[in-house]
Each structure stands twice: as structure tokens, then as C-alpha cells.
Amino acid sequence: MACNPRNAFPGTVYSNADRATDLYGTNIEVDYRGYEVTVENFIRLLTDRWDESVPASKRLLTDAGSNILIYMTGHGGDQFLKFQDSEEIGAWDLAHAFAQMHEKKRYNEMLFMVDTCQANTMFKYFYSPGIIATGSSEIDESSYSHHADNDVGVAVIDRWTYYNLEFLETQITSPISKLTLGDLFDSYDESKIHSRPGVRWDLFPGGEASGRQRTVMDFFGNVQGVEVEEIDTTSPEQWKQDVIGLKRLIESHQSQKHSESERPPSHRDSRHANSSTPAFPQSHDAMKTQKANLWNHKIGAAGLLGGFTMAWFLGSRVILF
């Protein structure tokens, strides 16, 4: 949309006719644009069925500990959503793709949101666990736009999406907000949305009671947690193993230096040694310099081992995820 030739304000995307906030901004990275946005690429993205040549920036790098938000909007109908007005993705396509994701341990929990006509039919056939699904309208219901921008000449946002965004902008005031999905879904007002939003809880462990307690930031946020690993580093046995490991590092380093010092001179060095140029004995200053270099090597080795020790100290206590 930002680069569409019909956009009267190139390089920008606004959710309101007042154009107060540019959603495109200056730090938005678009991984797929234009004709790259296809049903095939979308399913490959979800299931990670790519050739090895596809870069990481084009992949969804998730695992069994990842919470995923999938938000889809556009023209659609009963059990389908259009891509580029030339193809469509069906409800069963999504259901099977999410099943593959579950089998491949590509998510922990998923929030699926869809804004289109008859949107709630898009999650009718989901059967994989850990999914909360919500949509803007029931079967045989349209999903209406909120308002248009006369300068651009198109509707800038749909009603359901508008009120979701309004909740996020006015109620979520910090990355550690404790507002829940129950709070978000309870904020839906059918008289404002002009359709009946739906929510599906049955696939989520614990059902509706558990799903309603999930915080909005569990899916809309990107806050990393820190897990402290429970390791008893005070036990004599643990210290003994660590000392043995450090001793091996020292011996390996010393052996490497010893091998380098005893290495025979190269062919080029031998040729120069046998030439007619007299060999002058080393001066006292030169010998002092060699000793200083030797000590520098020892100090460097000590610093290297100190770094290994610090890495061990930190690595045994903190794991980032």
C-alpha cells in the first residue's frame, strides 16, 4: 500500500483520515511485498517448507516456545480469503498448515485474527491445540469499513480492525500491561462494528477460562524473558569439574606455544642463515624485548582463560529466550 501508485501520500500508510500516525514509519521491514504475497508463499512461511537458499529474513524462525499472532484482513467470504484478487486461501488450507506447524513444534500458543466478510468461517475447521481464534463477522454477514480518506479515495480501515487498534492504542499503555484477551474481546461493541464478532476457545488448553486470562502482550508484545537455570555451583564436585576443564585449557594453550617455539626455521630462513652475511649476536636490549614479548604472551593467555572463566560463570546461570 505504501508504494502503490494510487497512494497520494507515497511511502506512508495511515489508519485514520486525520493522518496523525504513519503506520509504515521509518523502521518498518516488509519481508514480502507485491506479487511475493501469494497463498503458496504464505503456507511455506508457516510450515517452513523452503529451499535451503531462502534467507532467514524470509523465514518464520519460531519453535515450541513461540507465541504467534496471525492477523489477516482483506476481501473474503464463506471459508475463503482473497490474495491479490487472483487467488484465495481456504479454511481447510489454514487448518492443515497449522496442523503441520503443531507437528513440527513451531509454536507454543497462537492467536488467529481475521477481518473479512463472513470471517468466522475461516477458523471453522481448525483442529490443532493451543489456538485462540477470533473474527469480525458471522456467516452471511459483511465486514464493513469504518471511514474513507477522500484524498486517497479509499476506505482506510475496517470497523473491527479500527476498534481493535483503538483498544491497543488507548488501553495498552506499557509493554508489561496486564490487560487480557478477555478484556479485548469484551470491548467489542456490535452496534459500532455493525457485525457479530466471534471467538473460538475450545482448542486452547483450559478452554475459555484459561484463554481469557492470557495477556494481550503475550501475542502483541515482543518482550524477552530471562530464565534462571537451577545449577548448584557451590558443590565440591561441580568445582572439581570446572577446575579440570580450566586445567585442560591451560595445558592446551601451553602445548601450542611450546610447539611454535620448537618449530624448525623455514626454507627461506635457512637460506639466509647460510649466506655470506655475518650473523651478529643479539644485543642486551633485544634479549630484554624478547623476554617482554614472552611475558605479554603469558599475560594474554591468562586474560584468555579469565574470559573463559567469566563465560562459564555467566553461562551457568542465565539463559535468554
C-alpha atoms as a PDB file:
ATOM      1  CA  MET A   1       0.000   0.000   0.000  1.00  0.00           C
ATOM      2  CA  ALA A   2       2.773   2.422   0.871  1.00  0.00           C
ATOM      3  CA  CYS A   3       4.327   2.172  -2.598  1.00  0.00           C
ATOM      4  CA  ASN A   4       1.121   1.750  -4.596  1.00  0.00           C
ATOM      5  CA  PRO A   5       0.990   4.336  -7.411  1.00  0.00           C
ATOM      6  CA  ARG A   6      -2.583   5.174  -6.378  1.00  0.00           C
ATOM      7  CA  ASN A   7      -1.377   6.279  -2.944  1.00  0.00           C
ATOM      8  CA  ALA A   8      -1.492  10.083  -2.846  1.00  0.00           C
ATOM      9  CA  PHE A   9       0.997  10.035   0.029  1.00  0.00           C
ATOM     10  CA  PRO A  10       3.805   7.753  -1.174  1.00  0.00           C
ATOM     11  CA  GLY A  11       5.707   5.770   1.413  1.00  0.00           C
ATOM     12  CA  THR A  12       3.037   6.126   4.092  1.00  0.00           C
ATOM     13  CA  VAL A  13       0.125   4.104   5.500  1.00  0.00           C
ATOM     14  CA  TYR A  14      -2.472   5.656   7.776  1.00  0.00           C
ATOM     15  CA  SER A  15      -5.278   4.049   9.773  1.00  0.00           C
ATOM     16  CA  ASN A  16      -7.204   7.304  10.114  1.00  0.00           C
ATOM     17  CA  ALA A  17      -8.205  10.092   7.758  1.00  0.00           C
ATOM     18  CA  ASP A  18      -6.515  12.658  10.027  1.00  0.00           C
ATOM     19  CA  ARG A  19      -3.186  11.036   9.091  1.00  0.00           C
ATOM     20  CA  ALA A  20      -1.829  11.623  12.589  1.00  0.00           C
ATOM     21  CA  THR A  21       0.194   8.406  12.792  1.00  0.00           C
ATOM     22  CA  ASP A  22       2.130   6.847   9.927  1.00  0.00           C
ATOM     23  CA  LEU A  23       1.864   3.097  10.486  1.00  0.00           C
ATOM     24  CA  TYR A  24       4.563   2.477   7.896  1.00  0.00           C
ATOM     25  CA  GLY A  25       7.022   4.666   9.808  1.00  0.00           C
ATOM     26  CA  THR A  26      10.763   4.746   9.236  1.00  0.00           C
ATOM     27  CA  ASN A  27      11.687   1.430  10.843  1.00  0.00           C
ATOM     28  CA  ILE A  28       9.220  -0.993   9.262  1.00  0.00           C
ATOM     29  CA  GLU A  29      10.687  -4.007   7.489  1.00  0.00           C
ATOM     30  CA  VAL A  30       8.435  -5.571   4.858  1.00  0.00           C
ATOM     31  CA  ASP A  31       9.535  -9.140   4.159  1.00  0.00           C
ATOM     32  CA  TYR A  32       7.003  -9.898   1.449  1.00  0.00           C
ATOM     33  CA  ARG A  33       5.520  -7.296  -0.868  1.00  0.00           C
ATOM     34  CA  GLY A  34       3.612  -7.091  -4.128  1.00  0.00           C
ATOM     35  CA  TYR A  35       3.492 -10.319  -6.080  1.00  0.00           C
ATOM     36  CA  GLU A  36       5.502 -12.124  -3.407  1.00  0.00           C
ATOM     37  CA  VAL A  37       2.284 -12.188  -1.348  1.00  0.00           C
ATOM     38  CA  THR A  38       0.835 -15.476  -2.562  1.00  0.00           C
ATOM     39  CA  VAL A  39      -1.007 -18.350  -0.952  1.00  0.00           C
ATOM     40  CA  GLU A  40       1.914 -20.670  -1.653  1.00  0.00           C
ATOM     41  CA  ASN A  41       4.468 -18.372  -0.021  1.00  0.00           C
ATOM     42  CA  PHE A  42       2.200 -17.840   2.980  1.00  0.00           C
ATOM     43  CA  ILE A  43       1.803 -21.576   3.590  1.00  0.00           C
ATOM     44  CA  ARG A  44       5.527 -22.163   3.052  1.00  0.00           C
ATOM     45  CA  LEU A  45       6.230 -19.408   5.567  1.00  0.00           C
ATOM     46  CA  LEU A  46       4.023 -21.058   8.188  1.00  0.00           C
ATOM     47  CA  THR A  47       5.284 -24.608   7.629  1.00  0.00           C
ATOM     48  CA  ASP A  48       8.931 -23.683   6.860  1.00  0.00           C
ATOM     49  CA  ARG A  49       8.912 -25.698   3.639  1.00  0.00           C
ATOM     50  CA  TRP A  50      11.583 -23.687   1.845  1.00  0.00           C
ATOM     51  CA  ASP A  51      14.637 -24.399  -0.275  1.00  0.00           C
ATOM     52  CA  GLU A  52      17.935 -24.056   1.567  1.00  0.00           C
ATOM     53  CA  SER A  53      18.712 -20.928  -0.454  1.00  0.00           C
ATOM     54  CA  VAL A  54      15.870 -18.916   1.139  1.00  0.00           C
ATOM     55  CA  PRO A  55      17.432 -16.446   3.625  1.00  0.00           C
ATOM     56  CA  ALA A  56      16.494 -16.211   7.293  1.00  0.00           C
ATOM     57  CA  SER A  57      14.790 -12.846   6.692  1.00  0.00           C
ATOM     58  CA  LYS A  58      12.181 -14.668   4.605  1.00  0.00           C
ATOM     59  CA  ARG A  59      11.517 -17.356   7.210  1.00  0.00           C
ATOM     60  CA  LEU A  60       9.367 -17.583  10.312  1.00  0.00           C
ATOM     61  CA  LEU A  61      12.027 -18.609  12.828  1.00  0.00           C
ATOM     62  CA  THR A  62       9.849 -19.975  15.616  1.00  0.00           C
ATOM     63  CA  ASP A  63       9.951 -23.022  17.872  1.00  0.00           C
ATOM     64  CA  ALA A  64       7.937 -24.826  20.526  1.00  0.00           C
ATOM     65  CA  GLY A  65       8.300 -21.850  22.887  1.00  0.00           C
ATOM     66  CA  SER A  66       6.974 -19.206  20.485  1.00  0.00           C
ATOM     67  CA  ASN A  67       3.658 -17.384  20.726  1.00  0.00           C
ATOM     68  CA  ILE A  68       2.433 -16.395  17.266  1.00  0.00           C
ATOM     69  CA  LEU A  69      -0.043 -13.719  16.176  1.00  0.00           C
ATOM     70  CA  ILE A  70      -1.578 -14.141  12.710  1.00  0.00           C
ATOM     71  CA  TYR A  71      -3.738 -11.200  11.605  1.00  0.00           C
ATOM     72  CA  MET A  72      -5.428 -11.451   8.204  1.00  0.00           C
ATOM     73  CA  THR A  73      -7.629  -8.858   6.537  1.00  0.00           C
ATOM     74  CA  GLY A  74      -8.992  -8.331   3.033  1.00  0.00           C
ATOM     75  CA  HIS A  75     -11.834  -9.415   0.755  1.00  0.00           C
ATOM     76  CA  GLY A  76     -13.331 -12.790   1.534  1.00  0.00           C
ATOM     77  CA  GLY A  77     -16.429 -14.861   2.036  1.00  0.00           C
ATOM     78  CA  ASP A  78     -17.635 -18.201   3.330  1.00  0.00           C
ATOM     79  CA  GLN A  79     -14.411 -20.142   4.162  1.00  0.00           C
ATOM     80  CA  PHE A  80     -12.054 -18.166   1.888  1.00  0.00           C
ATOM     81  CA  LEU A  81      -9.896 -15.030   1.830  1.00  0.00           C
ATOM     82  CA  LYS A  82      -8.556 -13.458  -1.364  1.00  0.00           C
ATOM     83  CA  PHE A  83      -4.883 -12.915  -2.163  1.00  0.00           C
ATOM     84  CA  GLN A  84      -4.151 -10.251  -4.819  1.00  0.00           C
ATOM     85  CA  ASP A  85      -7.690 -10.640  -6.252  1.00  0.00           C
ATOM     86  CA  SER A  86      -6.287 -13.561  -8.257  1.00  0.00           C
ATOM     87  CA  GLU A  87      -6.257 -16.478  -5.800  1.00  0.00           C
ATOM     88  CA  GLU A  88      -7.663 -17.364  -2.422  1.00  0.00           C
ATOM     89  CA  ILE A  89      -6.810 -19.343   0.675  1.00  0.00           C
ATOM     90  CA  GLY A  90      -9.430 -21.616   2.182  1.00  0.00           C
ATOM     91  CA  ALA A  91     -10.354 -22.533   5.727  1.00  0.00           C
ATOM     92  CA  TRP A  92      -9.027 -26.074   5.256  1.00  0.00           C
ATOM     93  CA  ASP A  93      -5.736 -24.732   3.878  1.00  0.00           C
ATOM     94  CA  LEU A  94      -5.171 -22.811   7.097  1.00  0.00           C
ATOM     95  CA  ALA A  95      -6.311 -25.714   9.267  1.00  0.00           C
ATOM     96  CA  HIS A  96      -3.836 -28.129   7.666  1.00  0.00           C
ATOM     97  CA  ALA A  97      -0.995 -25.574   7.723  1.00  0.00           C
ATOM     98  CA  PHE A  98      -1.485 -25.003  11.454  1.00  0.00           C
ATOM     99  CA  ALA A  99      -1.558 -28.774  11.991  1.00  0.00           C
ATOM    100  CA  GLN A 100       1.837 -29.050  10.292  1.00  0.00           C
ATOM    101  CA  MET A 101       3.143 -26.248  12.484  1.00  0.00           C
ATOM    102  CA  HIS A 102       1.996 -28.125  15.562  1.00  0.00           C
ATOM    103  CA  GLU A 103       3.575 -31.393  14.397  1.00  0.00           C
ATOM    104  CA  LYS A 104       6.862 -29.595  13.698  1.00  0.00           C
ATOM    105  CA  LYS A 105       6.735 -27.801  17.069  1.00  0.00           C
ATOM    106  CA  ARG A 106       6.725 -24.342  15.502  1.00  0.00           C
ATOM    107  CA  TYR A 107       4.545 -22.656  18.104  1.00  0.00           C
ATOM    108  CA  ASN A 108       3.531 -22.742  21.730  1.00  0.00           C
ATOM    109  CA  GLU A 109       0.297 -20.753  21.520  1.00  0.00           C
ATOM    110  CA  MET A 110      -1.321 -18.954  18.608  1.00  0.00           C
ATOM    111  CA  LEU A 111      -3.768 -16.064  18.326  1.00  0.00           C
ATOM    112  CA  PHE A 112      -5.520 -16.034  14.941  1.00  0.00           C
ATOM    113  CA  MET A 113      -7.447 -12.866  13.999  1.00  0.00           C
ATOM    114  CA  VAL A 114      -9.260 -12.315  10.694  1.00  0.00           C
ATOM    115  CA  ASP A 115     -11.242  -9.319   9.420  1.00  0.00           C
ATOM    116  CA  THR A 116     -13.276 -10.037   6.279  1.00  0.00           C
ATOM    117  CA  CYS A 117     -16.844 -10.765   5.298  1.00  0.00           C
ATOM    118  CA  GLN A 118     -18.062 -13.970   6.987  1.00  0.00           C
ATOM    119  CA  ALA A 119     -14.724 -14.054   8.805  1.00  0.00           C
ATOM    120  CA  ASN A 120     -15.704 -16.552  11.482  1.00  0.00           C
ATOM    121  CA  THR A 121     -15.968 -19.308   8.872  1.00  0.00           C
ATOM    122  CA  MET A 122     -12.201 -19.098   8.343  1.00  0.00           C
ATOM    123  CA  PHE A 123     -11.445 -20.871  11.639  1.00  0.00           C
ATOM    124  CA  LYS A 124     -14.341 -23.307  11.458  1.00  0.00           C
ATOM    125  CA  TYR A 125     -12.129 -26.323  10.677  1.00  0.00           C
ATOM    126  CA  PHE A 126      -9.144 -25.669  12.919  1.00  0.00           C
ATOM    127  CA  TYR A 127      -8.205 -28.794  14.860  1.00  0.00           C
ATOM    128  CA  SER A 128      -4.720 -28.134  16.277  1.00  0.00           C
ATOM    129  CA  PRO A 129      -4.294 -27.425  20.007  1.00  0.00           C
ATOM    130  CA  GLY A 130      -3.111 -24.156  21.509  1.00  0.00           C
ATOM    131  CA  ILE A 131      -5.055 -21.827  19.178  1.00  0.00           C
ATOM    132  CA  ILE A 132      -7.385 -18.965  20.074  1.00  0.00           C
ATOM    133  CA  ALA A 133      -9.281 -17.697  17.016  1.00  0.00           C
ATOM    134  CA  THR A 134     -11.431 -14.617  16.554  1.00  0.00           C
ATOM    135  CA  GLY A 135     -13.080 -12.929  13.576  1.00  0.00           C
ATOM    136  CA  SER A 136     -15.114  -9.879  12.662  1.00  0.00           C
ATOM    137  CA  SER A 137     -18.377 -11.390  11.360  1.00  0.00           C
ATOM    138  CA  GLU A 138     -20.588 -14.456  11.308  1.00  0.00           C
ATOM    139  CA  ILE A 139     -21.620 -16.404   8.201  1.00  0.00           C
ATOM    140  CA  ASP A 140     -23.764 -14.337   5.783  1.00  0.00           C
ATOM    141  CA  GLU A 141     -22.562 -11.116   7.443  1.00  0.00           C
ATOM    142  CA  SER A 142     -20.432  -8.424   5.808  1.00  0.00           C
ATOM    143  CA  SER A 143     -17.474  -6.761   7.461  1.00  0.00           C
ATOM    144  CA  TYR A 144     -17.774  -3.004   6.978  1.00  0.00           C
ATOM    145  CA  SER A 145     -15.205  -0.244   6.579  1.00  0.00           C
ATOM    146  CA  HIS A 146     -15.010   2.435   9.242  1.00  0.00           C
ATOM    147  CA  HIS A 147     -14.357   5.524   7.143  1.00  0.00           C
ATOM    148  CA  ALA A 148     -12.638   6.698   3.974  1.00  0.00           C
ATOM    149  CA  ASP A 149      -9.896   9.193   3.223  1.00  0.00           C
ATOM    150  CA  ASN A 150     -11.192  11.443   0.439  1.00  0.00           C
ATOM    151  CA  ASP A 151      -7.683  12.458  -0.593  1.00  0.00           C
ATOM    152  CA  VAL A 152      -6.645   8.843  -1.063  1.00  0.00           C
ATOM    153  CA  GLY A 153     -10.039   7.820  -2.395  1.00  0.00           C
ATOM    154  CA  VAL A 154     -10.411   4.555  -0.495  1.00  0.00           C
ATOM    155  CA  ALA A 155     -11.543   3.294   2.889  1.00  0.00           C
ATOM    156  CA  VAL A 156      -8.511   3.304   5.152  1.00  0.00           C
ATOM    157  CA  ILE A 157      -9.579   0.748   7.762  1.00  0.00           C
ATOM    158  CA  ASP A 158     -12.355  -1.733   8.575  1.00  0.00           C
ATOM    159  CA  ARG A 159     -14.519  -1.305  11.646  1.00  0.00           C
ATOM    160  CA  TRP A 160     -13.399  -4.393  13.555  1.00  0.00           C
ATOM    161  CA  THR A 161      -9.742  -3.618  12.926  1.00  0.00           C
ATOM    162  CA  TYR A 162     -10.319   0.032  13.873  1.00  0.00           C
ATOM    163  CA  TYR A 163     -11.703  -0.861  17.306  1.00  0.00           C
ATOM    164  CA  ASN A 164      -9.001  -3.454  17.921  1.00  0.00           C
ATOM    165  CA  LEU A 165      -6.400  -0.798  17.154  1.00  0.00           C
ATOM    166  CA  GLU A 166      -8.202   1.728  19.334  1.00  0.00           C
ATOM    167  CA  PHE A 167      -8.046  -0.696  22.275  1.00  0.00           C
ATOM    168  CA  LEU A 168      -4.333  -1.259  21.765  1.00  0.00           C
ATOM    169  CA  GLU A 169      -3.563   2.450  21.461  1.00  0.00           C
ATOM    170  CA  THR A 170      -5.677   3.661  24.397  1.00  0.00           C
ATOM    171  CA  GLN A 171      -5.695   0.758  26.862  1.00  0.00           C
ATOM    172  CA  ILE A 172      -2.288  -0.908  26.428  1.00  0.00           C
ATOM    173  CA  THR A 173      -0.060   1.736  27.979  1.00  0.00           C
ATOM    174  CA  SER A 174       3.122  -0.255  28.601  1.00  0.00           C
ATOM    175  CA  PRO A 175       4.919  -3.414  27.440  1.00  0.00           C
ATOM    176  CA  ILE A 176       4.072  -5.055  30.756  1.00  0.00           C
ATOM    177  CA  SER A 177       0.330  -4.355  30.564  1.00  0.00           C
ATOM    178  CA  LYS A 178      -1.773  -6.977  32.341  1.00  0.00           C
ATOM    179  CA  LEU A 179      -4.894  -6.489  30.220  1.00  0.00           C
ATOM    180  CA  THR A 180      -6.077  -9.826  28.892  1.00  0.00           C
ATOM    181  CA  LEU A 181      -7.601 -11.225  25.739  1.00  0.00           C
ATOM    182  CA  GLY A 182     -10.853 -11.372  27.697  1.00  0.00           C
ATOM    183  CA  ASP A 183     -10.646  -7.602  28.158  1.00  0.00           C
ATOM    184  CA  LEU A 184     -10.004  -7.113  24.445  1.00  0.00           C
ATOM    185  CA  PHE A 185     -12.864  -9.339  23.295  1.00  0.00           C
ATOM    186  CA  ASP A 186     -15.256  -7.846  25.848  1.00  0.00           C
ATOM    187  CA  SER A 187     -14.572  -4.404  24.356  1.00  0.00           C
ATOM    188  CA  TYR A 188     -16.225  -5.388  21.057  1.00  0.00           C
ATOM    189  CA  ASP A 189     -19.454  -3.426  20.560  1.00  0.00           C
ATOM    190  CA  GLU A 190     -21.678  -4.887  17.844  1.00  0.00           C
ATOM    191  CA  SER A 191     -23.509  -1.570  17.428  1.00  0.00           C
ATOM    192  CA  LYS A 192     -20.207   0.048  16.434  1.00  0.00           C
ATOM    193  CA  ILE A 193     -18.745  -2.850  14.467  1.00  0.00           C
ATOM    194  CA  HIS A 194     -22.037  -3.486  12.592  1.00  0.00           C
ATOM    195  CA  SER A 195     -21.438  -7.243  12.657  1.00  0.00           C
ATOM    196  CA  ARG A 196     -21.150 -10.044  15.207  1.00  0.00           C
ATOM    197  CA  PRO A 197     -17.550 -10.902  16.109  1.00  0.00           C
ATOM    198  CA  GLY A 198     -16.843 -14.487  17.114  1.00  0.00           C
ATOM    199  CA  VAL A 199     -14.280 -16.223  19.312  1.00  0.00           C
ATOM    200  CA  ARG A 200     -13.256 -19.863  19.404  1.00  0.00           C
ATOM    201  CA  TRP A 201     -11.782 -21.144  22.672  1.00  0.00           C
ATOM    202  CA  ASP A 202     -12.194 -24.925  22.501  1.00  0.00           C
ATOM    203  CA  LEU A 203      -8.727 -25.654  21.063  1.00  0.00           C
ATOM    204  CA  PHE A 204      -6.920 -23.822  23.835  1.00  0.00           C
ATOM    205  CA  PRO A 205      -5.808 -25.832  26.898  1.00  0.00           C
ATOM    206  CA  GLY A 206      -8.221 -24.988  29.686  1.00  0.00           C
ATOM    207  CA  GLY A 207     -10.803 -23.612  27.290  1.00  0.00           C
ATOM    208  CA  GLU A 208     -12.328 -20.165  27.617  1.00  0.00           C
ATOM    209  CA  ALA A 209     -11.482 -19.748  31.306  1.00  0.00           C
ATOM    210  CA  SER A 210      -7.780 -20.173  30.622  1.00  0.00           C
ATOM    211  CA  GLY A 211      -7.721 -18.339  27.294  1.00  0.00           C
ATOM    212  CA  ARG A 212      -9.379 -15.237  28.688  1.00  0.00           C
ATOM    213  CA  GLN A 213      -6.544 -14.878  31.195  1.00  0.00           C
ATOM    214  CA  ARG A 214      -3.827 -14.696  28.530  1.00  0.00           C
ATOM    215  CA  THR A 215      -2.487 -11.160  28.388  1.00  0.00           C
ATOM    216  CA  VAL A 216      -2.706  -9.187  25.156  1.00  0.00           C
ATOM    217  CA  MET A 217       1.065  -8.652  25.312  1.00  0.00           C
ATOM    218  CA  ASP A 218       1.600 -12.416  25.179  1.00  0.00           C
ATOM    219  CA  PHE A 219       0.890 -12.044  21.453  1.00  0.00           C
ATOM    220  CA  PHE A 220       1.188  -8.354  20.577  1.00  0.00           C
ATOM    221  CA  GLY A 221       4.378  -7.771  22.540  1.00  0.00           C
ATOM    222  CA  ASN A 222       7.975  -8.763  21.899  1.00  0.00           C
ATOM    223  CA  VAL A 223       9.395  -8.742  25.414  1.00  0.00           C
ATOM    224  CA  GLN A 224      12.069 -11.344  26.065  1.00  0.00           C
ATOM    225  CA  GLY A 225      12.110 -13.138  29.381  1.00  0.00           C
ATOM    226  CA  VAL A 226      15.038 -14.458  31.369  1.00  0.00           C
ATOM    227  CA  GLU A 227      15.083 -17.968  32.765  1.00  0.00           C
ATOM    228  CA  VAL A 228      17.458 -18.657  35.640  1.00  0.00           C
ATOM    229  CA  GLU A 229      18.891 -22.146  35.420  1.00  0.00           C
ATOM    230  CA  GLU A 230      18.958 -24.049  38.677  1.00  0.00           C
ATOM    231  CA  ILE A 231      22.571 -25.299  38.973  1.00  0.00           C
ATOM    232  CA  ASP A 232      24.325 -25.829  42.279  1.00  0.00           C
ATOM    233  CA  THR A 233      27.704 -24.202  41.576  1.00  0.00           C
ATOM    234  CA  THR A 234      28.779 -24.434  45.223  1.00  0.00           C
ATOM    235  CA  SER A 235      29.141 -28.212  45.361  1.00  0.00           C
ATOM    236  CA  PRO A 236      32.737 -29.552  45.527  1.00  0.00           C
ATOM    237  CA  GLU A 237      32.092 -31.939  42.653  1.00  0.00           C
ATOM    238  CA  GLN A 238      30.944 -29.094  40.375  1.00  0.00           C
ATOM    239  CA  TRP A 239      34.011 -27.008  41.265  1.00  0.00           C
ATOM    240  CA  LYS A 240      36.280 -30.013  40.641  1.00  0.00           C
ATOM    241  CA  GLN A 241      34.885 -30.498  37.142  1.00  0.00           C
ATOM    242  CA  ASP A 242      35.294 -26.810  36.355  1.00  0.00           C
ATOM    243  CA  VAL A 243      38.911 -26.768  37.570  1.00  0.00           C
ATOM    244  CA  ILE A 244      39.715 -29.848  35.473  1.00  0.00           C
ATOM    245  CA  GLY A 245      38.232 -28.106  32.431  1.00  0.00           C
ATOM    246  CA  LEU A 246      40.308 -24.964  33.019  1.00  0.00           C
ATOM    247  CA  LYS A 247      43.452 -27.076  33.540  1.00  0.00           C
ATOM    248  CA  ARG A 248      42.923 -28.720  30.164  1.00  0.00           C
ATOM    249  CA  LEU A 249      42.581 -25.311  28.516  1.00  0.00           C
ATOM    250  CA  ILE A 250      45.856 -24.153  30.103  1.00  0.00           C
ATOM    251  CA  GLU A 251      47.711 -27.298  29.046  1.00  0.00           C
ATOM    252  CA  SER A 252      46.358 -26.991  25.506  1.00  0.00           C
ATOM    253  CA  HIS A 253      47.461 -23.373  25.264  1.00  0.00           C
ATOM    254  CA  GLN A 254      50.931 -24.094  26.672  1.00  0.00           C
ATOM    255  CA  SER A 255      51.403 -27.055  24.349  1.00  0.00           C
ATOM    256  CA  GLN A 256      50.518 -24.908  21.358  1.00  0.00           C
ATOM    257  CA  LYS A 257      53.026 -22.218  22.368  1.00  0.00           C
ATOM    258  CA  HIS A 258      55.724 -24.843  23.001  1.00  0.00           C
ATOM    259  CA  SER A 259      55.198 -26.359  19.559  1.00  0.00           C
ATOM    260  CA  GLU A 260      55.519 -22.958  17.931  1.00  0.00           C
ATOM    261  CA  SER A 261      58.759 -22.183  19.777  1.00  0.00           C
ATOM    262  CA  GLU A 262      60.358 -25.508  18.698  1.00  0.00           C
ATOM    263  CA  ARG A 263      59.250 -25.281  15.080  1.00  0.00           C
ATOM    264  CA  PRO A 264      62.309 -25.536  12.722  1.00  0.00           C
ATOM    265  CA  PRO A 265      63.101 -22.459  10.639  1.00  0.00           C
ATOM    266  CA  SER A 266      61.542 -22.216   7.228  1.00  0.00           C
ATOM    267  CA  HIS A 267      63.416 -22.851   3.989  1.00  0.00           C
ATOM    268  CA  ARG A 268      63.726 -19.138   3.459  1.00  0.00           C
ATOM    269  CA  ASP A 269      65.217 -18.629   6.960  1.00  0.00           C
ATOM    270  CA  SER A 270      67.756 -21.447   6.368  1.00  0.00           C
ATOM    271  CA  ARG A 271      68.888 -19.868   3.113  1.00  0.00           C
ATOM    272  CA  HIS A 272      69.556 -16.545   4.810  1.00  0.00           C
ATOM    273  CA  ALA A 273      71.359 -18.251   7.682  1.00  0.00           C
ATOM    274  CA  ASN A 274      73.786 -19.934   5.266  1.00  0.00           C
ATOM    275  CA  SER A 275      74.520 -16.791   3.249  1.00  0.00           C
ATOM    276  CA  SER A 276      77.749 -14.824   3.493  1.00  0.00           C
ATOM    277  CA  THR A 277      76.128 -12.161   5.629  1.00  0.00           C
ATOM    278  CA  PRO A 278      77.624 -12.460   9.112  1.00  0.00           C
ATOM    279  CA  ALA A 279      75.341 -13.250  11.968  1.00  0.00           C
ATOM    280  CA  PHE A 280      75.562 -10.640  14.699  1.00  0.00           C
ATOM    281  CA  PRO A 281      74.934 -11.636  18.288  1.00  0.00           C
ATOM    282  CA  GLN A 282      71.818 -10.236  19.865  1.00  0.00           C
ATOM    283  CA  SER A 283      72.195  -7.164  21.989  1.00  0.00           C
ATOM    284  CA  HIS A 284      71.128  -6.939  25.601  1.00  0.00           C
ATOM    285  CA  ASP A 285      68.183  -4.724  24.619  1.00  0.00           C
ATOM    286  CA  ALA A 286      66.985  -7.259  22.046  1.00  0.00           C
ATOM    287  CA  MET A 287      67.029 -10.006  24.662  1.00  0.00           C
ATOM    288  CA  LYS A 288      65.012  -7.809  27.001  1.00  0.00           C
ATOM    289  CA  THR A 289      62.474  -7.239  24.230  1.00  0.00           C
ATOM    290  CA  GLN A 290      62.108 -10.976  23.641  1.00  0.00           C
ATOM    291  CA  LYS A 291      61.502 -11.554  27.356  1.00  0.00           C
ATOM    292  CA  ALA A 292      58.909  -8.789  27.407  1.00  0.00           C
ATOM    293  CA  ASN A 293      57.135 -10.401  24.453  1.00  0.00           C
ATOM    294  CA  LEU A 294      57.183 -13.731  26.258  1.00  0.00           C
ATOM    295  CA  TRP A 295      55.525 -12.175  29.281  1.00  0.00           C
ATOM    296  CA  ASN A 296      52.981 -10.496  27.023  1.00  0.00           C
ATOM    297  CA  HIS A 297      52.078 -13.917  25.633  1.00  0.00           C
ATOM    298  CA  LYS A 298      51.666 -15.278  29.161  1.00  0.00           C
ATOM    299  CA  ILE A 299      49.520 -12.335  30.202  1.00  0.00           C
ATOM    300  CA  GLY A 300      47.433 -12.780  27.055  1.00  0.00           C
ATOM    301  CA  ALA A 301      46.921 -16.437  27.898  1.00  0.00           C
ATOM    302  CA  ALA A 302      45.856 -15.511  31.415  1.00  0.00           C
ATOM    303  CA  GLY A 303      43.396 -12.981  30.026  1.00  0.00           C
ATOM    304  CA  LEU A 304      42.018 -15.599  27.640  1.00  0.00           C
ATOM    305  CA  LEU A 305      41.488 -18.026  30.491  1.00  0.00           C
ATOM    306  CA  GLY A 306      39.912 -15.274  32.564  1.00  0.00           C
ATOM    307  CA  GLY A 307      37.461 -14.705  29.716  1.00  0.00           C
ATOM    308  CA  PHE A 308      36.651 -18.417  29.608  1.00  0.00           C
ATOM    309  CA  THR A 309      36.070 -18.343  33.353  1.00  0.00           C
ATOM    310  CA  MET A 310      33.691 -15.373  33.083  1.00  0.00           C
ATOM    311  CA  ALA A 311      31.824 -17.037  30.193  1.00  0.00           C
ATOM    312  CA  TRP A 312      31.470 -20.170  32.316  1.00  0.00           C
ATOM    313  CA  PHE A 313      30.304 -18.114  35.294  1.00  0.00           C
ATOM    314  CA  LEU A 314      27.588 -16.324  33.334  1.00  0.00           C
ATOM    315  CA  GLY A 315      26.601 -19.235  31.130  1.00  0.00           C
ATOM    316  CA  SER A 316      25.922 -21.474  34.077  1.00  0.00           C
ATOM    317  CA  ARG A 317      23.328 -19.096  35.487  1.00  0.00           C
ATOM    318  CA  VAL A 318      21.380 -17.248  32.779  1.00  0.00           C
ATOM    319  CA  ILE A 319      19.663 -18.488  29.651  1.00  0.00           C
ATOM    320  CA  LEU A 320      17.973 -15.969  27.332  1.00  0.00           C
ATOM    321  CA  PHE A 321      14.993 -16.993  25.280  1.00  0.00           C
END
